[in-house]
Amino acid sequence: MTIYKNDLGEEGAKNLSSKVKEIVESMEGKEVQDDFWGRRKFAYEMDHAVEGFYDVFTFEFESSKVSKLKEKLNLLNGLVRYLFTAQK
């Protein structure tokens, strides 16, 4: 799951979502499913904001590369939070 800043607008959030997917694919990950939820209110304030754009997508990725992916995501402007979950 990724959450993008509200200031980006829907189009900007979708563009940043595409950038995240490009990063995953450049690291030999494979997208399986994408579900863009759009603008939602946060349960609590994050980075002085009360809402943002949510995108939930599923991808196949080597667990050994997760730390490098996190490094790259941390450099993206407009990304508020991300969450990875693993399935076996």
N, C-alpha and C. Protein backbone atom coordinates (compact mmCIF):
# COMPACT_ATOMS: atom_id res chain seq x y z
N MET A 1 0.85 -1.16 0.00
CA MET A 1 0.00 0.00 0.00
C MET A 1 0.90 1.23 0.00
N THR A 2 0.49 2.23 -0.77
CA THR A 2 1.18 3.51 -0.76
C THR A 2 0.15 4.61 -0.53
N ILE A 3 0.58 5.68 0.12
CA ILE A 3 -0.27 6.85 0.35
C ILE A 3 0.48 8.06 -0.17
N TYR A 4 -0.19 8.84 -1.02
CA TYR A 4 0.42 10.01 -1.65
C TYR A 4 -0.20 11.29 -1.10
N LYS A 5 0.58 12.37 -1.13
CA LYS A 5 0.12 13.65 -0.61
C LYS A 5 -1.11 14.15 -1.35
N ASN A 6 -2.01 14.74 -0.61
CA ASN A 6 -3.24 15.30 -1.16
C ASN A 6 -2.94 16.43 -2.14
N ASP A 7 -1.86 17.18 -1.91
CA ASP A 7 -1.50 18.32 -2.77
C ASP A 7 -1.26 17.91 -4.22
N LEU A 8 -0.91 16.65 -4.44
CA LEU A 8 -0.60 16.18 -5.79
C LEU A 8 -1.82 16.17 -6.70
N GLY A 9 -3.00 16.04 -6.11
CA GLY A 9 -4.20 15.85 -6.91
C GLY A 9 -4.25 14.42 -7.41
N GLU A 10 -5.37 14.03 -7.94
CA GLU A 10 -5.53 12.63 -8.37
C GLU A 10 -4.56 12.27 -9.50
N GLU A 11 -4.42 13.15 -10.47
CA GLU A 11 -3.52 12.87 -11.59
C GLU A 11 -2.08 12.74 -11.13
N GLY A 12 -1.64 13.65 -10.25
CA GLY A 12 -0.29 13.58 -9.72
C GLY A 12 -0.05 12.33 -8.91
N ALA A 13 -1.06 11.92 -8.14
CA ALA A 13 -0.94 10.69 -7.34
C ALA A 13 -0.82 9.47 -8.25
N LYS A 14 -1.59 9.45 -9.33
CA LYS A 14 -1.50 8.33 -10.28
C LYS A 14 -0.14 8.31 -10.97
N ASN A 15 0.39 9.50 -11.28
CA ASN A 15 1.73 9.56 -11.89
C ASN A 15 2.80 9.03 -10.94
N LEU A 16 2.70 9.41 -9.67
CA LEU A 16 3.66 8.92 -8.68
C LEU A 16 3.50 7.41 -8.47
N SER A 17 2.27 6.94 -8.53
CA SER A 17 2.01 5.51 -8.43
C SER A 17 2.70 4.77 -9.58
N SER A 18 2.64 5.34 -10.77
CA SER A 18 3.33 4.74 -11.93
C SER A 18 4.83 4.71 -11.71
N LYS A 19 5.36 5.75 -11.09
CA LYS A 19 6.79 5.82 -10.80
C LYS A 19 7.18 4.70 -9.82
N VAL A 20 6.34 4.48 -8.79
CA VAL A 20 6.61 3.39 -7.83
C VAL A 20 6.63 2.05 -8.56
N LYS A 21 5.68 1.84 -9.46
CA LYS A 21 5.62 0.58 -10.21
C LYS A 21 6.84 0.42 -11.11
N GLU A 22 7.31 1.53 -11.71
CA GLU A 22 8.52 1.47 -12.53
C GLU A 22 9.72 1.06 -11.69
N ILE A 23 9.81 1.59 -10.47
CA ILE A 23 10.91 1.23 -9.58
C ILE A 23 10.86 -0.26 -9.26
N VAL A 24 9.67 -0.77 -8.94
CA VAL A 24 9.51 -2.20 -8.63
C VAL A 24 9.92 -3.05 -9.83
N GLU A 25 9.45 -2.66 -11.02
CA GLU A 25 9.77 -3.43 -12.23
C GLU A 25 11.26 -3.34 -12.57
N SER A 26 11.90 -2.19 -12.31
CA SER A 26 13.33 -2.05 -12.60
C SER A 26 14.16 -2.94 -11.68
N MET A 27 13.58 -3.33 -10.55
CA MET A 27 14.26 -4.22 -9.61
C MET A 27 13.79 -5.67 -9.78
N GLU A 28 13.25 -5.96 -10.97
CA GLU A 28 12.81 -7.30 -11.35
C GLU A 28 11.58 -7.78 -10.60
N GLY A 29 10.77 -6.85 -10.11
CA GLY A 29 9.50 -7.21 -9.50
C GLY A 29 8.43 -7.31 -10.57
N LYS A 30 7.35 -7.96 -10.25
CA LYS A 30 6.27 -8.16 -11.22
C LYS A 30 4.95 -7.73 -10.59
N GLU A 31 4.26 -6.77 -11.23
CA GLU A 31 2.96 -6.33 -10.72
C GLU A 31 1.91 -7.39 -11.03
N VAL A 32 1.07 -7.67 -10.05
CA VAL A 32 0.02 -8.67 -10.21
C VAL A 32 -1.35 -8.00 -10.27
N GLN A 33 -1.57 -7.02 -9.38
CA GLN A 33 -2.87 -6.37 -9.30
C GLN A 33 -2.69 -4.95 -8.79
N ASP A 34 -3.57 -4.03 -9.24
CA ASP A 34 -3.53 -2.64 -8.78
C ASP A 34 -4.95 -2.19 -8.46
N ASP A 35 -5.10 -1.52 -7.33
CA ASP A 35 -6.41 -1.01 -6.90
C ASP A 35 -6.21 0.41 -6.34
N PHE A 36 -6.42 1.42 -7.18
CA PHE A 36 -6.27 2.82 -6.77
C PHE A 36 -7.55 3.23 -6.05
N TRP A 37 -7.44 3.51 -4.75
CA TRP A 37 -8.61 3.84 -3.95
C TRP A 37 -9.02 5.29 -4.06
N GLY A 38 -8.09 6.15 -4.45
CA GLY A 38 -8.39 7.58 -4.52
C GLY A 38 -8.21 8.27 -3.18
N ARG A 39 -8.81 9.44 -3.05
CA ARG A 39 -8.64 10.26 -1.84
C ARG A 39 -9.44 9.67 -0.68
N ARG A 40 -8.76 9.53 0.46
CA ARG A 40 -9.39 9.03 1.69
C ARG A 40 -8.90 9.85 2.87
N LYS A 41 -9.72 9.90 3.90
CA LYS A 41 -9.31 10.57 5.14
C LYS A 41 -8.43 9.63 5.94
N PHE A 42 -7.43 10.21 6.61
CA PHE A 42 -6.56 9.43 7.47
C PHE A 42 -7.25 9.18 8.80
N ALA A 43 -6.85 8.13 9.46
CA ALA A 43 -7.34 7.85 10.82
C ALA A 43 -6.74 8.84 11.80
N TYR A 44 -5.57 9.38 11.47
CA TYR A 44 -4.89 10.37 12.31
C TYR A 44 -4.05 11.25 11.38
N GLU A 45 -3.66 12.40 11.86
CA GLU A 45 -2.88 13.34 11.06
C GLU A 45 -1.48 12.79 10.79
N MET A 46 -1.06 12.90 9.53
CA MET A 46 0.29 12.48 9.13
C MET A 46 0.93 13.62 8.35
N ASP A 47 2.10 14.02 8.74
CA ASP A 47 2.82 15.11 8.06
C ASP A 47 1.94 16.34 7.89
N HIS A 48 1.19 16.68 8.91
CA HIS A 48 0.30 17.85 8.95
C HIS A 48 -0.82 17.79 7.91
N ALA A 49 -1.20 16.59 7.51
CA ALA A 49 -2.29 16.41 6.54
C ALA A 49 -3.34 15.48 7.13
N VAL A 50 -4.58 15.62 6.67
CA VAL A 50 -5.67 14.78 7.18
C VAL A 50 -6.24 13.83 6.12
N GLU A 51 -5.78 13.97 4.86
CA GLU A 51 -6.22 13.03 3.84
C GLU A 51 -5.16 12.92 2.75
N GLY A 52 -5.26 11.85 1.98
CA GLY A 52 -4.31 11.60 0.90
C GLY A 52 -4.88 10.57 -0.05
N PHE A 53 -4.10 10.22 -1.05
CA PHE A 53 -4.52 9.26 -2.06
C PHE A 53 -3.91 7.89 -1.76
N TYR A 54 -4.76 6.88 -1.71
CA TYR A 54 -4.33 5.52 -1.39
C TYR A 54 -4.26 4.69 -2.67
N ASP A 55 -3.24 3.85 -2.74
CA ASP A 55 -3.10 2.90 -3.84
C ASP A 55 -2.64 1.57 -3.25
N VAL A 56 -3.39 0.53 -3.51
CA VAL A 56 -3.04 -0.80 -3.01
C VAL A 56 -2.72 -1.66 -4.22
N PHE A 57 -1.50 -2.16 -4.26
CA PHE A 57 -1.17 -3.07 -5.35
C PHE A 57 -0.38 -4.26 -4.85
N THR A 58 -0.52 -5.33 -5.60
CA THR A 58 0.13 -6.59 -5.27
C THR A 58 1.23 -6.82 -6.30
N PHE A 59 2.40 -7.19 -5.82
CA PHE A 59 3.48 -7.52 -6.73
C PHE A 59 4.31 -8.66 -6.17
N GLU A 60 4.98 -9.35 -7.07
CA GLU A 60 5.90 -10.42 -6.68
C GLU A 60 7.29 -9.83 -6.69
N PHE A 61 8.03 -10.08 -5.61
CA PHE A 61 9.31 -9.41 -5.44
C PHE A 61 10.21 -10.26 -4.56
N GLU A 62 11.48 -10.29 -4.83
CA GLU A 62 12.42 -11.04 -4.01
C GLU A 62 12.59 -10.35 -2.66
N SER A 63 12.45 -11.09 -1.60
CA SER A 63 12.54 -10.50 -0.26
C SER A 63 13.92 -9.91 0.02
N SER A 64 14.94 -10.40 -0.63
CA SER A 64 16.29 -9.89 -0.42
C SER A 64 16.47 -8.46 -0.95
N LYS A 65 15.56 -8.00 -1.79
CA LYS A 65 15.66 -6.67 -2.39
C LYS A 65 14.77 -5.63 -1.70
N VAL A 66 14.05 -6.02 -0.67
CA VAL A 66 13.10 -5.12 -0.02
C VAL A 66 13.80 -3.90 0.58
N SER A 67 14.93 -4.09 1.22
CA SER A 67 15.62 -2.96 1.84
C SER A 67 16.06 -1.94 0.79
N LYS A 68 16.50 -2.39 -0.36
CA LYS A 68 16.88 -1.47 -1.45
C LYS A 68 15.65 -0.74 -1.99
N LEU A 69 14.52 -1.44 -2.08
CA LEU A 69 13.28 -0.81 -2.53
C LEU A 69 12.85 0.28 -1.55
N LYS A 70 12.96 0.01 -0.26
CA LYS A 70 12.62 1.00 0.75
C LYS A 70 13.49 2.24 0.61
N GLU A 71 14.77 2.06 0.36
CA GLU A 71 15.68 3.20 0.16
C GLU A 71 15.22 4.07 -0.99
N LYS A 72 14.82 3.45 -2.08
CA LYS A 72 14.38 4.20 -3.26
C LYS A 72 13.05 4.91 -3.00
N LEU A 73 12.13 4.26 -2.31
CA LEU A 73 10.84 4.88 -2.02
C LEU A 73 10.99 6.06 -1.07
N ASN A 74 11.92 5.97 -0.15
CA ASN A 74 12.15 7.06 0.79
C ASN A 74 12.62 8.34 0.11
N LEU A 75 13.11 8.25 -1.11
CA LEU A 75 13.59 9.41 -1.84
C LEU A 75 12.50 10.10 -2.66
N LEU A 76 11.33 9.49 -2.76
CA LEU A 76 10.25 10.05 -3.59
C LEU A 76 9.52 11.18 -2.87
N ASN A 77 9.46 12.34 -3.49
CA ASN A 77 8.65 13.45 -2.96
C ASN A 77 7.18 13.17 -3.26
N GLY A 78 6.33 13.38 -2.30
CA GLY A 78 4.91 13.16 -2.50
C GLY A 78 4.40 11.86 -1.92
N LEU A 79 5.30 10.99 -1.52
CA LEU A 79 4.92 9.72 -0.90
C LEU A 79 4.90 9.93 0.61
N VAL A 80 3.70 9.75 1.20
CA VAL A 80 3.54 9.95 2.64
C VAL A 80 3.96 8.71 3.41
N ARG A 81 3.44 7.57 3.03
CA ARG A 81 3.71 6.30 3.71
C ARG A 81 3.64 5.15 2.70
N TYR A 82 4.28 4.06 3.07
CA TYR A 82 4.12 2.81 2.33
C TYR A 82 4.11 1.66 3.33
N LEU A 83 3.51 0.58 2.93
CA LEU A 83 3.43 -0.61 3.78
C LEU A 83 3.56 -1.84 2.89
N PHE A 84 4.43 -2.74 3.28
CA PHE A 84 4.59 -4.02 2.60
C PHE A 84 4.08 -5.13 3.49
N THR A 85 3.40 -6.07 2.90
CA THR A 85 3.04 -7.30 3.61
C THR A 85 3.51 -8.47 2.74
N ALA A 86 3.87 -9.56 3.36
CA ALA A 86 4.38 -10.71 2.62
C ALA A 86 3.41 -11.88 2.70
N GLN A 87 3.36 -12.62 1.61
CA GLN A 87 2.57 -13.85 1.57
C GLN A 87 3.52 -14.98 1.22
N LYS A 88 3.26 -16.13 1.77
CA LYS A 88 4.09 -17.29 1.43
C LYS A 88 3.35 -18.23 0.54
